[in-house]
Amino acid sequence: GNAGPRGVAGLKGDPGESISGPEVTVSPDTLTVTENQTATFNCSVSGNPRPTVTWSKLNASLVAEHLATDQNGGLKITKTTFNDAGDYMCSAVNALGRDEKIAKLVVEGKIEKKNILIRLLIIVAVQC
C-alpha cells in the first residue's frame, strides 16, 4: 500500500559541541616574590574534550612539600626559596593535541633594614 500522511515535524535538536585541541594561557607570565612569600600562577585551558592539565618545572623536579595545584589549573608555591626560582610549564593534553605555556618565578632575598642603617652610619662617619 501507499505510505500514510507525513507526521508533524519535531523540534530541532541542539547542535553538538565542536571538538578542539587544547589552548593554554598562563598568568602572570612573570612573577617576582620575596623569599618566604607565596607565589601563585593560574593556567586557563580551553579544549573539547576537556584537557588534562599538569604543571612542571623546567630543568628540575617540583618539590611537593610546599607546592599545591588545584582543579582549576592553579599552581601555588608557599614559603618560596631561591631554589623555587625558575621556569614553570603548564601543559594541557587531550585527544586532539597538546599546548603548553611557560611562567617565570623570580625569588628575591629579604633586605635587612638594620644592615642598611648600619652601613649608612658607617659611610657618614667615615666621610666626616
PDB file of N, CA and C in Angstrom:
ATOM      1  N   GLY A   1       0.793  -1.167   0.000  1.00  0.00           N
ATOM      2  CA  GLY A   1       0.000   0.000   0.000  1.00  0.00           C
ATOM      3  C   GLY A   1       0.852   1.254   0.000  1.00  0.00           C
ATOM      4  N   ASN A   2       0.109   2.310  -0.062  1.00  0.00           N
ATOM      5  CA  ASN A   2       0.749   3.625  -0.068  1.00  0.00           C
ATOM      6  C   ASN A   2       1.124   4.046   1.350  1.00  0.00           C
ATOM      7  N   ALA A   3       2.132   4.938   1.448  1.00  0.00           N
ATOM      8  CA  ALA A   3       2.523   5.475   2.742  1.00  0.00           C
ATOM      9  C   ALA A   3       1.457   6.424   3.248  1.00  0.00           C
ATOM     10  N   GLY A   4       1.313   6.479   4.561  1.00  0.00           N
ATOM     11  CA  GLY A   4       0.324   7.355   5.168  1.00  0.00           C
ATOM     12  C   GLY A   4       0.791   8.809   5.148  1.00  0.00           C
ATOM     13  N   PRO A   5      -0.043   9.709   5.701  1.00  0.00           N
ATOM     14  CA  PRO A   5       0.331  11.124   5.720  1.00  0.00           C
ATOM     15  C   PRO A   5       1.571  11.346   6.598  1.00  0.00           C
ATOM     16  N   ARG A   6       2.333  12.359   6.234  1.00  0.00           N
ATOM     17  CA  ARG A   6       3.564  12.675   6.968  1.00  0.00           C
ATOM     18  C   ARG A   6       3.211  13.251   8.339  1.00  0.00           C
ATOM     19  N   GLY A   7       3.985  12.905   9.375  1.00  0.00           N
ATOM     20  CA  GLY A   7       3.729  13.394  10.722  1.00  0.00           C
ATOM     21  C   GLY A   7       4.208  14.832  10.905  1.00  0.00           C
ATOM     22  N   VAL A   8       3.857  15.416  12.060  1.00  0.00           N
ATOM     23  CA  VAL A   8       4.257  16.774  12.385  1.00  0.00           C
ATOM     24  C   VAL A   8       5.766  16.783  12.659  1.00  0.00           C
ATOM     25  N   ALA A   9       6.479  17.787  12.142  1.00  0.00           N
ATOM     26  CA  ALA A   9       7.925  17.880  12.347  1.00  0.00           C
ATOM     27  C   ALA A   9       8.226  18.139  13.820  1.00  0.00           C
ATOM     28  N   GLY A  10       9.259  17.491  14.337  1.00  0.00           N
ATOM     29  CA  GLY A  10       9.670  17.672  15.726  1.00  0.00           C
ATOM     30  C   GLY A  10      10.567  18.898  15.882  1.00  0.00           C
ATOM     31  N   LEU A  11      10.873  19.209  17.129  1.00  0.00           N
ATOM     32  CA  LEU A  11      11.769  20.330  17.404  1.00  0.00           C
ATOM     33  C   LEU A  11      13.179  20.003  16.935  1.00  0.00           C
ATOM     34  N   LYS A  12      13.877  21.035  16.487  1.00  0.00           N
ATOM     35  CA  LYS A  12      15.260  20.842  16.055  1.00  0.00           C
ATOM     36  C   LYS A  12      16.136  20.658  17.294  1.00  0.00           C
ATOM     37  N   GLY A  13      17.036  19.691  17.265  1.00  0.00           N
ATOM     38  CA  GLY A  13      17.928  19.419  18.399  1.00  0.00           C
ATOM     39  C   GLY A  13      19.024  20.464  18.507  1.00  0.00           C
ATOM     40  N   ASP A  14      19.588  20.549  19.692  1.00  0.00           N
ATOM     41  CA  ASP A  14      20.731  21.452  19.893  1.00  0.00           C
ATOM     42  C   ASP A  14      21.935  20.932  19.115  1.00  0.00           C
ATOM     43  N   PRO A  15      22.709  21.845  18.543  1.00  0.00           N
ATOM     44  CA  PRO A  15      23.914  21.377  17.851  1.00  0.00           C
ATOM     45  C   PRO A  15      24.918  20.841  18.872  1.00  0.00           C
ATOM     46  N   GLY A  16      25.683  19.842  18.508  1.00  0.00           N
ATOM     47  CA  GLY A  16      26.705  19.292  19.403  1.00  0.00           C
ATOM     48  C   GLY A  16      27.864  20.269  19.566  1.00  0.00           C
ATOM     49  N   GLU A  17      28.610  20.133  20.664  1.00  0.00           N
ATOM     50  CA  GLU A  17      29.777  20.987  20.869  1.00  0.00           C
ATOM     51  C   GLU A  17      30.860  20.586  19.877  1.00  0.00           C
ATOM     52  N   SER A  18      31.532  21.594  19.335  1.00  0.00           N
ATOM     53  CA  SER A  18      32.624  21.266  18.422  1.00  0.00           C
ATOM     54  C   SER A  18      33.825  20.814  19.238  1.00  0.00           C
ATOM     55  N   ILE A  19      34.613  19.939  18.656  1.00  0.00           N
ATOM     56  CA  ILE A  19      35.798  19.468  19.360  1.00  0.00           C
ATOM     57  C   ILE A  19      36.979  20.339  18.966  1.00  0.00           C
ATOM     58  N   SER A  20      37.912  20.507  19.909  1.00  0.00           N
ATOM     59  CA  SER A  20      39.059  21.374  19.630  1.00  0.00           C
ATOM     60  C   SER A  20      40.244  20.942  20.479  1.00  0.00           C
ATOM     61  N   GLY A  21      41.434  21.234  19.960  1.00  0.00           N
ATOM     62  CA  GLY A  21      42.659  20.949  20.695  1.00  0.00           C
ATOM     63  C   GLY A  21      42.816  21.912  21.852  1.00  0.00           C
ATOM     64  N   PRO A  22      43.696  21.605  22.779  1.00  0.00           N
ATOM     65  CA  PRO A  22      43.901  22.457  23.953  1.00  0.00           C
ATOM     66  C   PRO A  22      44.511  23.810  23.595  1.00  0.00           C
ATOM     67  N   GLU A  23      44.146  24.808  24.383  1.00  0.00           N
ATOM     68  CA  GLU A  23      44.771  26.126  24.281  1.00  0.00           C
ATOM     69  C   GLU A  23      45.033  26.614  25.697  1.00  0.00           C
ATOM     70  N   VAL A  24      46.286  26.958  25.978  1.00  0.00           N
ATOM     71  CA  VAL A  24      46.723  27.310  27.333  1.00  0.00           C
ATOM     72  C   VAL A  24      47.058  28.792  27.425  1.00  0.00           C
ATOM     73  N   THR A  25      46.648  29.408  28.532  1.00  0.00           N
ATOM     74  CA  THR A  25      47.056  30.774  28.868  1.00  0.00           C
ATOM     75  C   THR A  25      47.513  30.763  30.324  1.00  0.00           C
ATOM     76  N   VAL A  26      48.712  31.301  30.599  1.00  0.00           N
ATOM     77  CA  VAL A  26      49.173  31.393  31.990  1.00  0.00           C
ATOM     78  C   VAL A  26      49.216  32.851  32.416  1.00  0.00           C
ATOM     79  N   SER A  27      48.931  33.079  33.693  1.00  0.00           N
ATOM     80  CA  SER A  27      49.042  34.439  34.228  1.00  0.00           C
ATOM     81  C   SER A  27      49.466  34.357  35.695  1.00  0.00           C
ATOM     82  N   PRO A  28      50.329  35.248  36.132  1.00  0.00           N
ATOM     83  CA  PRO A  28      51.115  36.137  35.279  1.00  0.00           C
ATOM     84  C   PRO A  28      52.185  35.335  34.559  1.00  0.00           C
ATOM     85  N   ASP A  29      52.773  35.892  33.484  1.00  0.00           N
ATOM     86  CA  ASP A  29      53.826  35.122  32.823  1.00  0.00           C
ATOM     87  C   ASP A  29      55.171  35.306  33.521  1.00  0.00           C
ATOM     88  N   THR A  30      55.312  36.366  34.319  1.00  0.00           N
ATOM     89  CA  THR A  30      56.483  36.524  35.186  1.00  0.00           C
ATOM     90  C   THR A  30      55.998  37.041  36.537  1.00  0.00           C
ATOM     91  N   LEU A  31      56.482  36.420  37.604  1.00  0.00           N
ATOM     92  CA  LEU A  31      56.082  36.811  38.957  1.00  0.00           C
ATOM     93  C   LEU A  31      57.335  36.945  39.808  1.00  0.00           C
ATOM     94  N   THR A  32      57.447  38.074  40.518  1.00  0.00           N
ATOM     95  CA  THR A  32      58.565  38.297  41.432  1.00  0.00           C
ATOM     96  C   THR A  32      58.032  38.330  42.855  1.00  0.00           C
ATOM     97  N   VAL A  33      58.587  37.482  43.713  1.00  0.00           N
ATOM     98  CA  VAL A  33      58.192  37.452  45.126  1.00  0.00           C
ATOM     99  C   VAL A  33      59.442  37.563  45.985  1.00  0.00           C
ATOM    100  N   THR A  34      59.233  37.944  47.237  1.00  0.00           N
ATOM    101  CA  THR A  34      60.309  37.956  48.223  1.00  0.00           C
ATOM    102  C   THR A  34      60.362  36.579  48.873  1.00  0.00           C
ATOM    103  N   GLU A  35      61.554  36.137  49.215  1.00  0.00           N
ATOM    104  CA  GLU A  35      61.729  34.833  49.847  1.00  0.00           C
ATOM    105  C   GLU A  35      60.730  34.655  50.991  1.00  0.00           C
ATOM    106  N   ASN A  36      60.173  33.465  51.112  1.00  0.00           N
ATOM    107  CA  ASN A  36      59.168  33.070  52.116  1.00  0.00           C
ATOM    108  C   ASN A  36      57.751  33.531  51.787  1.00  0.00           C
ATOM    109  N   GLN A  37      57.556  34.298  50.730  1.00  0.00           N
ATOM    110  CA  GLN A  37      56.199  34.658  50.317  1.00  0.00           C
ATOM    111  C   GLN A  37      55.583  33.507  49.514  1.00  0.00           C
ATOM    112  N   THR A  38      54.280  33.636  49.218  1.00  0.00           N
ATOM    113  CA  THR A  38      53.583  32.639  48.404  1.00  0.00           C
ATOM    114  C   THR A  38      53.500  33.138  46.969  1.00  0.00           C
ATOM    115  N   ALA A  39      53.797  32.249  46.038  1.00  0.00           N
ATOM    116  CA  ALA A  39      53.693  32.557  44.608  1.00  0.00           C
ATOM    117  C   ALA A  39      52.515  31.779  44.029  1.00  0.00           C
ATOM    118  N   THR A  40      51.666  32.462  43.249  1.00  0.00           N
ATOM    119  CA  THR A  40      50.506  31.808  42.657  1.00  0.00           C
ATOM    120  C   THR A  40      50.451  32.090  41.159  1.00  0.00           C
ATOM    121  N   PHE A  41      50.353  31.028  40.368  1.00  0.00           N
ATOM    122  CA  PHE A  41      50.166  31.128  38.923  1.00  0.00           C
ATOM    123  C   PHE A  41      48.832  30.505  38.559  1.00  0.00           C
ATOM    124  N   ASN A  42      48.188  31.057  37.523  1.00  0.00           N
ATOM    125  CA  ASN A  42      46.945  30.482  37.015  1.00  0.00           C
ATOM    126  C   ASN A  42      47.165  29.980  35.603  1.00  0.00           C
ATOM    127  N   CYS A  43      46.577  28.822  35.300  1.00  0.00           N
ATOM    128  CA  CYS A  43      46.672  28.234  33.968  1.00  0.00           C
ATOM    129  C   CYS A  43      45.247  28.028  33.461  1.00  0.00           C
ATOM    130  N   SER A  44      44.829  28.863  32.512  1.00  0.00           N
ATOM    131  CA  SER A  44      43.489  28.740  31.927  1.00  0.00           C
ATOM    132  C   SER A  44      43.586  27.869  30.679  1.00  0.00           C
ATOM    133  N   VAL A  45      42.713  26.885  30.592  1.00  0.00           N
ATOM    134  CA  VAL A  45      42.778  25.928  29.492  1.00  0.00           C
ATOM    135  C   VAL A  45      41.416  25.797  28.834  1.00  0.00           C
ATOM    136  N   SER A  46      41.412  25.813  27.489  1.00  0.00           N
ATOM    137  CA  SER A  46      40.190  25.513  26.754  1.00  0.00           C
ATOM    138  C   SER A  46      40.462  24.292  25.890  1.00  0.00           C
ATOM    139  N   GLY A  47      39.413  23.659  25.443  1.00  0.00           N
ATOM    140  CA  GLY A  47      39.537  22.488  24.581  1.00  0.00           C
ATOM    141  C   GLY A  47      38.414  21.512  24.850  1.00  0.00           C
ATOM    142  N   ASN A  48      38.049  20.733  23.823  1.00  0.00           N
ATOM    143  CA  ASN A  48      36.991  19.736  23.955  1.00  0.00           C
ATOM    144  C   ASN A  48      37.401  18.505  23.157  1.00  0.00           C
ATOM    145  N   PRO A  49      37.565  17.344  23.771  1.00  0.00           N
ATOM    146  CA  PRO A  49      37.263  17.052  25.183  1.00  0.00           C
ATOM    147  C   PRO A  49      38.182  17.809  26.145  1.00  0.00           C
ATOM    148  N   ARG A  50      37.680  17.951  27.390  1.00  0.00           N
ATOM    149  CA  ARG A  50      38.390  18.734  28.400  1.00  0.00           C
ATOM    150  C   ARG A  50      39.807  18.200  28.579  1.00  0.00           C
ATOM    151  N   PRO A  51      40.816  19.073  28.411  1.00  0.00           N
ATOM    152  CA  PRO A  51      42.210  18.620  28.521  1.00  0.00           C
ATOM    153  C   PRO A  51      42.621  18.309  29.962  1.00  0.00           C
ATOM    154  N   THR A  52      43.612  17.446  30.086  1.00  0.00           N
ATOM    155  CA  THR A  52      44.261  17.181  31.365  1.00  0.00           C
ATOM    156  C   THR A  52      45.371  18.219  31.535  1.00  0.00           C
ATOM    157  N   VAL A  53      45.405  18.860  32.710  1.00  0.00           N
ATOM    158  CA  VAL A  53      46.357  19.946  32.958  1.00  0.00           C
ATOM    159  C   VAL A  53      47.410  19.481  33.952  1.00  0.00           C
ATOM    160  N   THR A  54      48.685  19.749  33.631  1.00  0.00           N
ATOM    161  CA  THR A  54      49.770  19.441  34.559  1.00  0.00           C
ATOM    162  C   THR A  54      50.761  20.603  34.592  1.00  0.00           C
ATOM    163  N   TRP A  55      51.371  20.806  35.751  1.00  0.00           N
ATOM    164  CA  TRP A  55      52.446  21.785  35.926  1.00  0.00           C
ATOM    165  C   TRP A  55      53.748  21.031  36.087  1.00  0.00           C
ATOM    166  N   SER A  56      54.818  21.579  35.529  1.00  0.00           N
ATOM    167  CA  SER A  56      56.147  21.009  35.742  1.00  0.00           C
ATOM    168  C   SER A  56      57.153  22.159  35.803  1.00  0.00           C
ATOM    169  N   LYS A  57      58.296  21.886  36.411  1.00  0.00           N
ATOM    170  CA  LYS A  57      59.366  22.886  36.478  1.00  0.00           C
ATOM    171  C   LYS A  57      60.432  22.480  35.474  1.00  0.00           C
ATOM    172  N   LEU A  58      60.834  23.422  34.629  1.00  0.00           N
ATOM    173  CA  LEU A  58      61.842  23.109  33.624  1.00  0.00           C
ATOM    174  C   LEU A  58      63.194  22.886  34.283  1.00  0.00           C
ATOM    175  N   ASN A  59      63.895  21.874  33.839  1.00  0.00           N
ATOM    176  CA  ASN A  59      65.242  21.535  34.316  1.00  0.00           C
ATOM    177  C   ASN A  59      65.298  21.200  35.803  1.00  0.00           C
ATOM    178  N   ALA A  60      64.176  20.809  36.382  1.00  0.00           N
ATOM    179  CA  ALA A  60      64.150  20.437  37.801  1.00  0.00           C
ATOM    180  C   ALA A  60      62.844  19.698  38.077  1.00  0.00           C
ATOM    181  N   SER A  61      62.754  19.111  39.259  1.00  0.00           N
ATOM    182  CA  SER A  61      61.503  18.471  39.639  1.00  0.00           C
ATOM    183  C   SER A  61      60.761  19.366  40.624  1.00  0.00           C
ATOM    184  N   LEU A  62      59.442  19.245  40.626  1.00  0.00           N
ATOM    185  CA  LEU A  62      58.631  20.029  41.557  1.00  0.00           C
ATOM    186  C   LEU A  62      58.770  19.432  42.950  1.00  0.00           C
ATOM    187  N   VAL A  63      58.974  20.283  43.943  1.00  0.00           N
ATOM    188  CA  VAL A  63      59.076  19.827  45.327  1.00  0.00           C
ATOM    189  C   VAL A  63      57.683  19.922  45.938  1.00  0.00           C
ATOM    190  N   ALA A  64      57.105  18.764  46.237  1.00  0.00           N
ATOM    191  CA  ALA A  64      55.693  18.718  46.629  1.00  0.00           C
ATOM    192  C   ALA A  64      55.412  19.271  48.020  1.00  0.00           C
ATOM    193  N   GLU A  65      56.437  19.401  48.859  1.00  0.00           N
ATOM    194  CA  GLU A  65      56.168  19.765  50.252  1.00  0.00           C
ATOM    195  C   GLU A  65      55.580  21.155  50.431  1.00  0.00           C
ATOM    196  N   HIS A  66      55.891  22.103  49.554  1.00  0.00           N
ATOM    197  CA  HIS A  66      55.308  23.440  49.712  1.00  0.00           C
ATOM    198  C   HIS A  66      54.686  23.921  48.400  1.00  0.00           C
ATOM    199  N   LEU A  67      54.125  22.958  47.664  1.00  0.00           N
ATOM    200  CA  LEU A  67      53.557  23.256  46.362  1.00  0.00           C
ATOM    201  C   LEU A  67      52.205  22.577  46.242  1.00  0.00           C
ATOM    202  N   ALA A  68      51.243  23.279  45.670  1.00  0.00           N
ATOM    203  CA  ALA A  68      49.913  22.683  45.506  1.00  0.00           C
ATOM    204  C   ALA A  68      49.326  23.109  44.162  1.00  0.00           C
ATOM    205  N   THR A  69      48.588  22.191  43.539  1.00  0.00           N
ATOM    206  CA  THR A  69      47.856  22.524  42.318  1.00  0.00           C
ATOM    207  C   THR A  69      46.374  22.323  42.617  1.00  0.00           C
ATOM    208  N   ASP A  70      45.521  23.008  41.868  1.00  0.00           N
ATOM    209  CA  ASP A  70      44.088  22.823  42.067  1.00  0.00           C
ATOM    210  C   ASP A  70      43.434  22.407  40.747  1.00  0.00           C
ATOM    211  N   GLN A  71      42.155  22.023  40.825  1.00  0.00           N
ATOM    212  CA  GLN A  71      41.459  21.513  39.646  1.00  0.00           C
ATOM    213  C   GLN A  71      41.202  22.588  38.599  1.00  0.00           C
ATOM    214  N   ASN A  72      41.384  23.851  38.960  1.00  0.00           N
ATOM    215  CA  ASN A  72      41.179  24.942  38.006  1.00  0.00           C
ATOM    216  C   ASN A  72      42.466  25.348  37.291  1.00  0.00           C
ATOM    217  N   GLY A  73      43.548  24.600  37.501  1.00  0.00           N
ATOM    218  CA  GLY A  73      44.796  24.904  36.812  1.00  0.00           C
ATOM    219  C   GLY A  73      45.720  25.834  37.568  1.00  0.00           C
ATOM    220  N   GLY A  74      45.453  26.066  38.847  1.00  0.00           N
ATOM    221  CA  GLY A  74      46.305  26.953  39.629  1.00  0.00           C
ATOM    222  C   GLY A  74      47.520  26.225  40.192  1.00  0.00           C
ATOM    223  N   LEU A  75      48.608  26.966  40.359  1.00  0.00           N
ATOM    224  CA  LEU A  75      49.820  26.452  40.999  1.00  0.00           C
ATOM    225  C   LEU A  75      50.173  27.416  42.118  1.00  0.00           C
ATOM    226  N   LYS A  76      50.309  26.888  43.332  1.00  0.00           N
ATOM    227  CA  LYS A  76      50.642  27.728  44.490  1.00  0.00           C
ATOM    228  C   LYS A  76      51.893  27.175  45.147  1.00  0.00           C
ATOM    229  N   ILE A  77      52.892  28.050  45.312  1.00  0.00           N
ATOM    230  CA  ILE A  77      54.145  27.672  45.973  1.00  0.00           C
ATOM    231  C   ILE A  77      54.244  28.516  47.235  1.00  0.00           C
ATOM    232  N   THR A  78      54.182  27.864  48.385  1.00  0.00           N
ATOM    233  CA  THR A  78      54.243  28.588  49.657  1.00  0.00           C
ATOM    234  C   THR A  78      55.675  28.594  50.182  1.00  0.00           C
ATOM    235  N   LYS A  79      55.983  29.591  51.003  1.00  0.00           N
ATOM    236  CA  LYS A  79      57.307  29.712  51.629  1.00  0.00           C
ATOM    237  C   LYS A  79      58.406  29.562  50.579  1.00  0.00           C
ATOM    238  N   THR A  80      58.360  30.408  49.567  1.00  0.00           N
ATOM    239  CA  THR A  80      59.314  30.306  48.469  1.00  0.00           C
ATOM    240  C   THR A  80      60.757  30.469  48.935  1.00  0.00           C
ATOM    241  N   THR A  81      61.641  29.758  48.268  1.00  0.00           N
ATOM    242  CA  THR A  81      63.079  29.875  48.497  1.00  0.00           C
ATOM    243  C   THR A  81      63.746  30.153  47.154  1.00  0.00           C
ATOM    244  N   PHE A  82      65.038  30.428  47.181  1.00  0.00           N
ATOM    245  CA  PHE A  82      65.761  30.676  45.933  1.00  0.00           C
ATOM    246  C   PHE A  82      65.700  29.457  45.016  1.00  0.00           C
ATOM    247  N   ASN A  83      65.592  28.251  45.597  1.00  0.00           N
ATOM    248  CA  ASN A  83      65.504  27.025  44.789  1.00  0.00           C
ATOM    249  C   ASN A  83      64.218  26.955  43.973  1.00  0.00           C
ATOM    250  N   ASP A  84      63.193  27.707  44.386  1.00  0.00           N
ATOM    251  CA  ASP A  84      61.919  27.691  43.655  1.00  0.00           C
ATOM    252  C   ASP A  84      61.959  28.572  42.413  1.00  0.00           C
ATOM    253  N   ALA A  85      62.927  29.478  42.339  1.00  0.00           N
ATOM    254  CA  ALA A  85      63.020  30.373  41.186  1.00  0.00           C
ATOM    255  C   ALA A  85      63.251  29.550  39.923  1.00  0.00           C
ATOM    256  N   GLY A  86      62.671  30.007  38.809  1.00  0.00           N
ATOM    257  CA  GLY A  86      62.872  29.307  37.546  1.00  0.00           C
ATOM    258  C   GLY A  86      61.637  29.356  36.675  1.00  0.00           C
ATOM    259  N   ASP A  87      61.632  28.506  35.658  1.00  0.00           N
ATOM    260  CA  ASP A  87      60.535  28.458  34.690  1.00  0.00           C
ATOM    261  C   ASP A  87      59.627  27.277  34.989  1.00  0.00           C
ATOM    262  N   TYR A  88      58.325  27.567  35.029  1.00  0.00           N
ATOM    263  CA  TYR A  88      57.309  26.551  35.263  1.00  0.00           C
ATOM    264  C   TYR A  88      56.447  26.433  34.016  1.00  0.00           C
ATOM    265  N   MET A  89      56.116  25.207  33.629  1.00  0.00           N
ATOM    266  CA  MET A  89      55.345  24.997  32.412  1.00  0.00           C
ATOM    267  C   MET A  89      53.989  24.376  32.735  1.00  0.00           C
ATOM    268  N   CYS A  90      52.946  25.012  32.196  1.00  0.00           N
ATOM    269  CA  CYS A  90      51.606  24.448  32.284  1.00  0.00           C
ATOM    270  C   CYS A  90      51.328  23.750  30.958  1.00  0.00           C
ATOM    271  N   SER A  91      50.987  22.462  31.022  1.00  0.00           N
ATOM    272  CA  SER A  91      50.704  21.669  29.823  1.00  0.00           C
ATOM    273  C   SER A  91      49.265  21.186  29.858  1.00  0.00           C
ATOM    274  N   ALA A  92      48.631  21.177  28.700  1.00  0.00           N
ATOM    275  CA  ALA A  92      47.271  20.656  28.580  1.00  0.00           C
ATOM    276  C   ALA A  92      47.252  19.668  27.411  1.00  0.00           C
ATOM    277  N   VAL A  93      46.651  18.498  27.646  1.00  0.00           N
ATOM    278  CA  VAL A  93      46.629  17.450  26.633  1.00  0.00           C
ATOM    279  C   VAL A  93      45.213  16.897  26.516  1.00  0.00           C
ATOM    280  N   ASN A  94      44.740  16.746  25.276  1.00  0.00           N
ATOM    281  CA  ASN A  94      43.524  15.972  25.027  1.00  0.00           C
ATOM    282  C   ASN A  94      43.745  15.131  23.768  1.00  0.00           C
ATOM    283  N   ALA A  95      42.706  14.446  23.292  1.00  0.00           N
ATOM    284  CA  ALA A  95      42.844  13.536  22.152  1.00  0.00           C
ATOM    285  C   ALA A  95      43.288  14.257  20.883  1.00  0.00           C
ATOM    286  N   LEU A  96      43.087  15.566  20.823  1.00  0.00           N
ATOM    287  CA  LEU A  96      43.408  16.313  19.607  1.00  0.00           C
ATOM    288  C   LEU A  96      44.761  17.003  19.645  1.00  0.00           C
ATOM    289  N   GLY A  97      45.470  16.919  20.778  1.00  0.00           N
ATOM    290  CA  GLY A  97      46.778  17.552  20.789  1.00  0.00           C
ATOM    291  C   GLY A  97      47.221  18.010  22.157  1.00  0.00           C
ATOM    292  N   ARG A  98      48.194  18.934  22.126  1.00  0.00           N
ATOM    293  CA  ARG A  98      48.850  19.406  23.342  1.00  0.00           C
ATOM    294  C   ARG A  98      49.189  20.882  23.161  1.00  0.00           C
ATOM    295  N   ASP A  99      49.136  21.647  24.263  1.00  0.00           N
ATOM    296  CA  ASP A  99      49.592  23.024  24.250  1.00  0.00           C
ATOM    297  C   ASP A  99      50.286  23.266  25.588  1.00  0.00           C
ATOM    298  N   GLU A 100      51.223  24.185  25.602  1.00  0.00           N
ATOM    299  CA  GLU A 100      51.937  24.491  26.842  1.00  0.00           C
ATOM    300  C   GLU A 100      52.418  25.924  26.814  1.00  0.00           C
ATOM    301  N   LYS A 101      52.469  26.523  28.000  1.00  0.00           N
ATOM    302  CA  LYS A 101      52.979  27.880  28.153  1.00  0.00           C
ATOM    303  C   LYS A 101      53.884  27.893  29.375  1.00  0.00           C
ATOM    304  N   ILE A 102      54.834  28.829  29.380  1.00  0.00           N
ATOM    305  CA  ILE A 102      55.816  28.909  30.459  1.00  0.00           C
ATOM    306  C   ILE A 102      55.611  30.186  31.276  1.00  0.00           C
ATOM    307  N   ALA A 103      55.732  30.036  32.598  1.00  0.00           N
ATOM    308  CA  ALA A 103      55.685  31.172  33.522  1.00  0.00           C
ATOM    309  C   ALA A 103      57.000  31.197  34.285  1.00  0.00           C
ATOM    310  N   LYS A 104      57.510  32.395  34.546  1.00  0.00           N
ATOM    311  CA  LYS A 104      58.797  32.549  35.231  1.00  0.00           C
ATOM    312  C   LYS A 104      58.573  33.054  36.650  1.00  0.00           C
ATOM    313  N   LEU A 105      59.258  32.415  37.604  1.00  0.00           N
ATOM    314  CA  LEU A 105      59.218  32.846  39.001  1.00  0.00           C
ATOM    315  C   LEU A 105      60.590  33.387  39.389  1.00  0.00           C
ATOM    316  N   VAL A 106      60.583  34.615  39.918  1.00  0.00           N
ATOM    317  CA  VAL A 106      61.796  35.247  40.426  1.00  0.00           C
ATOM    318  C   VAL A 106      61.633  35.375  41.938  1.00  0.00           C
ATOM    319  N   VAL A 107      62.627  34.883  42.692  1.00  0.00           N
ATOM    320  CA  VAL A 107      62.578  34.968  44.156  1.00  0.00           C
ATOM    321  C   VAL A 107      63.715  35.872  44.611  1.00  0.00           C
ATOM    322  N   GLU A 108      63.346  36.947  45.303  1.00  0.00           N
ATOM    323  CA  GLU A 108      64.343  37.902  45.797  1.00  0.00           C
ATOM    324  C   GLU A 108      64.548  37.696  47.290  1.00  0.00           C
ATOM    325  N   GLY A 109      65.742  38.019  47.759  1.00  0.00           N
ATOM    326  CA  GLY A 109      66.044  37.906  49.182  1.00  0.00           C
ATOM    327  C   GLY A 109      65.454  39.069  49.961  1.00  0.00           C
ATOM    328  N   LYS A 110      65.249  38.830  51.237  1.00  0.00           N
ATOM    329  CA  LYS A 110      64.762  39.905  52.103  1.00  0.00           C
ATOM    330  C   LYS A 110      65.902  40.873  52.366  1.00  0.00           C
ATOM    331  N   ILE A 111      65.591  42.136  52.359  1.00  0.00           N
ATOM    332  CA  ILE A 111      66.600  43.148  52.660  1.00  0.00           C
ATOM    333  C   ILE A 111      66.473  43.498  54.140  1.00  0.00           C
ATOM    334  N   GLU A 112      67.562  43.316  54.838  1.00  0.00           N
ATOM    335  CA  GLU A 112      67.563  43.628  56.265  1.00  0.00           C
ATOM    336  C   GLU A 112      67.768  45.135  56.443  1.00  0.00           C
ATOM    337  N   LYS A 113      66.786  45.805  56.983  1.00  0.00           N
ATOM    338  CA  LYS A 113      66.867  47.257  57.169  1.00  0.00           C
ATOM    339  C   LYS A 113      67.965  47.636  58.159  1.00  0.00           C
ATOM    340  N   LYS A 114      68.188  46.783  59.154  1.00  0.00           N
ATOM    341  CA  LYS A 114      69.219  47.083  60.156  1.00  0.00           C
ATOM    342  C   LYS A 114      70.586  47.216  59.481  1.00  0.00           C
ATOM    343  N   ASN A 115      70.900  46.293  58.572  1.00  0.00           N
ATOM    344  CA  ASN A 115      72.199  46.320  57.901  1.00  0.00           C
ATOM    345  C   ASN A 115      72.362  47.585  57.077  1.00  0.00           C
ATOM    346  N   ILE A 116      71.320  48.012  56.409  1.00  0.00           N
ATOM    347  CA  ILE A 116      71.391  49.226  55.600  1.00  0.00           C
ATOM    348  C   ILE A 116      71.644  50.436  56.509  1.00  0.00           C
ATOM    349  N   LEU A 117      70.933  50.494  57.625  1.00  0.00           N
ATOM    350  CA  LEU A 117      71.104  51.611  58.553  1.00  0.00           C
ATOM    351  C   LEU A 117      72.528  51.632  59.101  1.00  0.00           C
ATOM    352  N   ILE A 118      73.064  50.483  59.476  1.00  0.00           N
ATOM    353  CA  ILE A 118      74.437  50.419  59.999  1.00  0.00           C
ATOM    354  C   ILE A 118      75.424  50.868  58.929  1.00  0.00           C
ATOM    355  N   ARG A 119      75.242  50.405  57.683  1.00  0.00           N
ATOM    356  CA  ARG A 119      76.146  50.794  56.597  1.00  0.00           C
ATOM    357  C   ARG A 119      76.089  52.303  56.356  1.00  0.00           C
ATOM    358  N   LEU A 120      74.887  52.868  56.409  1.00  0.00           N
ATOM    359  CA  LEU A 120      74.760  54.316  56.196  1.00  0.00           C
ATOM    360  C   LEU A 120      75.483  55.088  57.298  1.00  0.00           C
ATOM    361  N   LEU A 121      75.358  54.635  58.530  1.00  0.00           N
ATOM    362  CA  LEU A 121      76.036  55.290  59.646  1.00  0.00           C
ATOM    363  C   LEU A 121      77.549  55.208  59.487  1.00  0.00           C
ATOM    364  N   ILE A 122      78.033  54.050  59.035  1.00  0.00           N
ATOM    365  CA  ILE A 122      79.475  53.901  58.833  1.00  0.00           C
ATOM    366  C   ILE A 122      79.958  54.821  57.715  1.00  0.00           C
ATOM    367  N   ILE A 123      79.219  54.868  56.615  1.00  0.00           N
ATOM    368  CA  ILE A 123      79.607  55.730  55.492  1.00  0.00           C
ATOM    369  C   ILE A 123      79.623  57.195  55.927  1.00  0.00           C
ATOM    370  N   VAL A 124      78.599  57.634  56.650  1.00  0.00           N
ATOM    371  CA  VAL A 124      78.534  59.018  57.119  1.00  0.00           C
ATOM    372  C   VAL A 124      79.686  59.290  58.082  1.00  0.00           C
ATOM    373  N   ALA A 125      79.975  58.375  58.978  1.00  0.00           N
ATOM    374  CA  ALA A 125      81.061  58.564  59.959  1.00  0.00           C
ATOM    375  C   ALA A 125      82.414  58.657  59.256  1.00  0.00           C
ATOM    376  N   VAL A 126      82.628  57.837  58.241  1.00  0.00           N
ATOM    377  CA  VAL A 126      83.908  57.837  57.529  1.00  0.00           C
ATOM    378  C   VAL A 126      84.084  59.142  56.764  1.00  0.00           C
ATOM    379  N   GLN A 127      83.023  59.675  56.217  1.00  0.00           N
ATOM    380  CA  GLN A 127      83.110  60.889  55.404  1.00  0.00           C
ATOM    381  C   GLN A 127      83.288  62.146  56.240  1.00  0.00           C
ATOM    382  N   CYS A 128      82.962  62.119  57.511  1.00  0.00           N
ATOM    383  CA  CYS A 128      83.042  63.317  58.347  1.00  0.00           C
ATOM    384  C   CYS A 128      84.448  63.698  58.725  1.00  0.00           C
TER     385      CYS A 128
END
